[in-house]
PDB file of N, CA and C in Angstrom:
ATOM      1  N   MET A   1      29.532  11.823   2.056  1.00  0.00           N
ATOM      2  CA  MET A   1      28.734  11.351   2.919  1.00  0.00           C
ATOM      3  C   MET A   1      26.969  12.865   2.744  1.00  0.00           C
ATOM      4  N   SER A   2      27.480  13.890   2.404  1.00  0.00           N
ATOM      5  CA  SER A   2      26.505  14.614   2.832  1.00  0.00           C
ATOM      6  C   SER A   2      25.511  14.465   1.432  1.00  0.00           C
ATOM      7  N   VAL A   3      26.422  14.283   0.223  1.00  0.00           N
ATOM      8  CA  VAL A   3      25.370  14.328  -0.936  1.00  0.00           C
ATOM      9  C   VAL A   3      23.952  12.750  -0.786  1.00  0.00           C
ATOM     10  N   ALA A   4      24.419  11.982  -0.027  1.00  0.00           N
ATOM     11  CA  ALA A   4      23.995  10.706  -0.307  1.00  0.00           C
ATOM     12  C   ALA A   4      22.622  10.763   0.717  1.00  0.00           C
ATOM     13  N   VAL A   5      22.661  11.849   1.814  1.00  0.00           N
ATOM     14  CA  VAL A   5      21.909  11.944   2.467  1.00  0.00           C
ATOM     15  C   VAL A   5      20.009  12.812   2.059  1.00  0.00           C
ATOM     16  N   PRO A   6      21.147  13.806   1.711  1.00  0.00           N
ATOM     17  CA  PRO A   6      19.562  14.722   0.525  1.00  0.00           C
ATOM     18  C   PRO A   6      19.137  13.831  -0.594  1.00  0.00           C
ATOM     19  N   GLU A   7      19.576  12.548  -1.148  1.00  0.00           N
ATOM     20  CA  GLU A   7      19.147  11.528  -2.484  1.00  0.00           C
ATOM     21  C   GLU A   7      17.891  10.492  -1.921  1.00  0.00           C
ATOM     22  N   ALA A   8      18.305  10.051  -0.729  1.00  0.00           N
ATOM     23  CA  ALA A   8      17.896   9.023   0.100  1.00  0.00           C
ATOM     24  C   ALA A   8      16.390   9.609   0.635  1.00  0.00           C
ATOM     25  N   VAL A   9      16.685  10.907   1.037  1.00  0.00           N
ATOM     26  CA  VAL A   9      15.404  11.209   1.494  1.00  0.00           C
ATOM     27  C   VAL A   9      14.030  11.037   0.592  1.00  0.00           C
ATOM     28  N   PRO A  10      14.390  12.107  -0.595  1.00  0.00           N
ATOM     29  CA  PRO A  10      13.065  11.730  -1.557  1.00  0.00           C
ATOM     30  C   PRO A  10      12.721  10.724  -1.938  1.00  0.00           C
ATOM     31  N   ALA A  11      13.947  10.093  -2.503  1.00  0.00           N
ATOM     32  CA  ALA A  11      13.570   8.540  -3.413  1.00  0.00           C
ATOM     33  C   ALA A  11      13.023   7.992  -2.445  1.00  0.00           C
ATOM     34  N   LYS A  12      13.220   8.024  -1.042  1.00  0.00           N
ATOM     35  CA  LYS A  12      12.549   6.767   0.078  1.00  0.00           C
ATOM     36  C   LYS A  12      10.934   7.264   0.201  1.00  0.00           C
ATOM     37  N   ALA A  13      10.517   8.391   0.018  1.00  0.00           N
ATOM     38  CA  ALA A  13       8.994   9.313   0.538  1.00  0.00           C
ATOM     39  C   ALA A  13       8.814   9.390  -0.988  1.00  0.00           C
ATOM     40  N   GLU A  14       9.190   9.059  -1.954  1.00  0.00           N
ATOM     41  CA  GLU A  14       8.559   8.761  -3.122  1.00  0.00           C
ATOM     42  C   GLU A  14       8.030   8.067  -3.320  1.00  0.00           C
ATOM     43  N   ALA A  15       8.795   6.587  -3.023  1.00  0.00           N
ATOM     44  CA  ALA A  15       8.541   5.348  -3.252  1.00  0.00           C
ATOM     45  C   ALA A  15       7.511   4.667  -3.235  1.00  0.00           C
ATOM     46  N   PRO A  16       7.786   5.022  -1.604  1.00  0.00           N
ATOM     47  CA  PRO A  16       6.970   3.880  -0.930  1.00  0.00           C
ATOM     48  C   PRO A  16       5.100   4.447  -0.577  1.00  0.00           C
ATOM     49  N   ALA A  17       5.647   5.750  -0.712  1.00  0.00           N
ATOM     50  CA  ALA A  17       3.779   6.739  -1.047  1.00  0.00           C
ATOM     51  C   ALA A  17       3.404   5.536  -2.165  1.00  0.00           C
ATOM     52  N   PRO A  18       3.561   6.130  -3.171  1.00  0.00           N
ATOM     53  CA  PRO A  18       2.651   5.891  -4.162  1.00  0.00           C
ATOM     54  C   PRO A  18       2.510   4.141  -4.376  1.00  0.00           C
ATOM     55  N   GLU A  19       3.621   3.105  -3.782  1.00  0.00           N
ATOM     56  CA  GLU A  19       3.288   1.426  -4.088  1.00  0.00           C
ATOM     57  C   GLU A  19       2.520   1.459  -3.233  1.00  0.00           C
ATOM     58  N   LYS A  20       2.401   1.866  -2.159  1.00  0.00           N
ATOM     59  CA  LYS A  20       1.902   1.248  -0.683  1.00  0.00           C
ATOM     60  C   LYS A  20       0.289   1.840  -0.909  1.00  0.00           C
ATOM     61  N   LYS A  21      -0.041   3.158  -1.532  1.00  0.00           N
ATOM     62  CA  LYS A  21      -0.961   3.583  -1.446  1.00  0.00           C
ATOM     63  C   LYS A  21      -1.775   2.725  -2.931  1.00  0.00           C
ATOM     64  N   PRO A  22      -1.769   2.432  -3.636  1.00  0.00           N
ATOM     65  CA  PRO A  22      -2.423   2.054  -4.506  1.00  0.00           C
ATOM     66  C   PRO A  22      -2.337  -0.066  -4.367  1.00  0.00           C
ATOM     67  N   ARG A  23      -1.265  -0.207  -4.026  1.00  0.00           N
ATOM     68  CA  ARG A  23      -1.634  -2.016  -3.681  1.00  0.00           C
ATOM     69  C   ARG A  23      -2.807  -1.968  -2.403  1.00  0.00           C
ATOM     70  N   ARG A  24      -3.039  -1.122  -1.779  1.00  0.00           N
ATOM     71  CA  ARG A  24      -3.975  -1.606  -0.207  1.00  0.00           C
ATOM     72  C   ARG A  24      -5.248  -1.165  -1.114  1.00  0.00           C
ATOM     73  N   PRO A  25      -5.531  -0.130  -1.466  1.00  0.00           N
ATOM     74  CA  PRO A  25      -7.404  -0.790  -1.676  1.00  0.00           C
ATOM     75  C   PRO A  25      -7.133  -1.223  -2.677  1.00  0.00           C
ATOM     76  N   ALA A  26      -6.441  -1.947  -3.635  1.00  0.00           N
ATOM     77  CA  ALA A  26      -6.511  -2.838  -4.654  1.00  0.00           C
ATOM     78  C   ALA A  26      -7.112  -4.181  -4.525  1.00  0.00           C
ATOM     79  N   ARG A  27      -6.088  -4.648  -3.721  1.00  0.00           N
ATOM     80  CA  ARG A  27      -6.710  -5.930  -2.226  1.00  0.00           C
ATOM     81  C   ARG A  27      -7.883  -6.253  -1.920  1.00  0.00           C
ATOM     82  N   ARG A  28      -7.877  -4.898  -1.293  1.00  0.00           N
ATOM     83  CA  ARG A  28      -9.052  -4.989  -0.683  1.00  0.00           C
ATOM     84  C   ARG A  28     -10.467  -4.739  -1.420  1.00  0.00           C
ATOM     85  N   ARG A  29     -10.027  -4.210  -2.561  1.00  0.00           N
ATOM     86  CA  ARG A  29     -11.747  -4.257  -2.701  1.00  0.00           C
ATOM     87  C   ARG A  29     -12.410  -5.312  -3.621  1.00  0.00           C
ATOM     88  N   PRO A  30     -11.040  -6.046  -4.556  1.00  0.00           N
ATOM     89  CA  PRO A  30     -11.180  -7.202  -5.175  1.00  0.00           C
ATOM     90  C   PRO A  30     -12.069  -8.400  -4.060  1.00  0.00           C
ATOM     91  N   ALA A  31     -10.976  -8.354  -2.561  1.00  0.00           N
ATOM     92  CA  ALA A  31     -11.285  -9.411  -1.627  1.00  0.00           C
ATOM     93  C   ALA A  31     -13.213  -9.380  -1.003  1.00  0.00           C
ATOM     94  N   ARG A  32     -13.162  -8.334  -1.005  1.00  0.00           N
ATOM     95  CA  ARG A  32     -14.556  -8.028  -0.507  1.00  0.00           C
ATOM     96  C   ARG A  32     -15.815  -8.334  -0.943  1.00  0.00           C
ATOM     97  N   LYS A  33     -15.427  -7.718  -2.475  1.00  0.00           N
ATOM     98  CA  LYS A  33     -16.688  -8.295  -3.447  1.00  0.00           C
ATOM     99  C   LYS A  33     -17.191  -9.688  -3.606  1.00  0.00           C
ATOM    100  N   LYS A  34     -15.644 -10.101  -4.028  1.00  0.00           N
ATOM    101  CA  LYS A  34     -15.769 -11.585  -4.036  1.00  0.00           C
ATOM    102  C   LYS A  34     -16.032 -13.013  -2.539  1.00  0.00           C
ATOM    103  N   SER A  35     -15.928 -12.544  -1.598  1.00  0.00           N
ATOM    104  CA  SER A  35     -15.887 -13.035  -0.522  1.00  0.00           C
ATOM    105  C   SER A  35     -16.914 -11.748   0.266  1.00  0.00           C
ATOM    106  N   GLU A  36     -17.512 -11.347  -0.045  1.00  0.00           N
ATOM    107  CA  GLU A  36     -19.085 -10.544   0.551  1.00  0.00           C
ATOM    108  C   GLU A  36     -18.225  -9.171   1.219  1.00  0.00           C
ATOM    109  N   PRO A  37     -18.559  -7.955   1.756  1.00  0.00           N
ATOM    110  CA  PRO A  37     -18.299  -7.525   2.251  1.00  0.00           C
ATOM    111  C   PRO A  37     -18.413  -7.894   3.705  1.00  0.00           C
ATOM    112  N   GLU A  38     -18.961  -8.408   4.381  1.00  0.00           N
ATOM    113  CA  GLU A  38     -18.955  -8.593   5.793  1.00  0.00           C
ATOM    114  C   GLU A  38     -18.537  -9.737   6.441  1.00  0.00           C
ATOM    115  N   SER A  39     -18.496 -10.561   5.706  1.00  0.00           N
ATOM    116  CA  SER A  39     -18.077 -11.952   5.963  1.00  0.00           C
ATOM    117  C   SER A  39     -16.511 -11.934   5.242  1.00  0.00           C
ATOM    118  N   GLY A  40     -16.651 -11.186   4.457  1.00  0.00           N
ATOM    119  CA  GLY A  40     -14.861 -11.606   3.060  1.00  0.00           C
ATOM    120  C   GLY A  40     -13.959 -10.608   4.687  1.00  0.00           C
ATOM    121  N   ALA A  41     -14.649  -9.390   5.265  1.00  0.00           N
ATOM    122  CA  ALA A  41     -13.064  -8.445   5.152  1.00  0.00           C
ATOM    123  C   ALA A  41     -13.063  -9.433   6.972  1.00  0.00           C
ATOM    124  N   VAL A  42     -13.441  -9.839   8.084  1.00  0.00           N
ATOM    125  CA  VAL A  42     -13.740 -10.482   8.607  1.00  0.00           C
ATOM    126  C   VAL A  42     -12.167 -11.490   8.430  1.00  0.00           C
ATOM    127  N   THR A  43     -12.837 -13.184   7.453  1.00  0.00           N
ATOM    128  CA  THR A  43     -12.260 -13.466   6.873  1.00  0.00           C
ATOM    129  C   THR A  43     -11.255 -13.913   7.191  1.00  0.00           C
ATOM    130  N   GLU A  44     -10.842 -12.366   6.328  1.00  0.00           N
ATOM    131  CA  GLU A  44      -9.692 -12.109   5.631  1.00  0.00           C
ATOM    132  C   GLU A  44      -8.273 -11.814   6.684  1.00  0.00           C
ATOM    133  N   GLU A  45      -9.021 -10.712   6.987  1.00  0.00           N
ATOM    134  CA  GLU A  45      -8.575  -9.997   8.242  1.00  0.00           C
ATOM    135  C   GLU A  45      -8.034 -10.796   9.388  1.00  0.00           C
TER     136      GLU A  45
END
């Protein structure tokens, strides 16, 4: 049990960190350029 605790900490901290960062800006950048910066941001969000 004590071995799964330290292994789950670095695995969860490294997995969601790099996946959430590139996914958020990658979807907002193309969405604003295609549907304008102001109109696209307000309509989509």
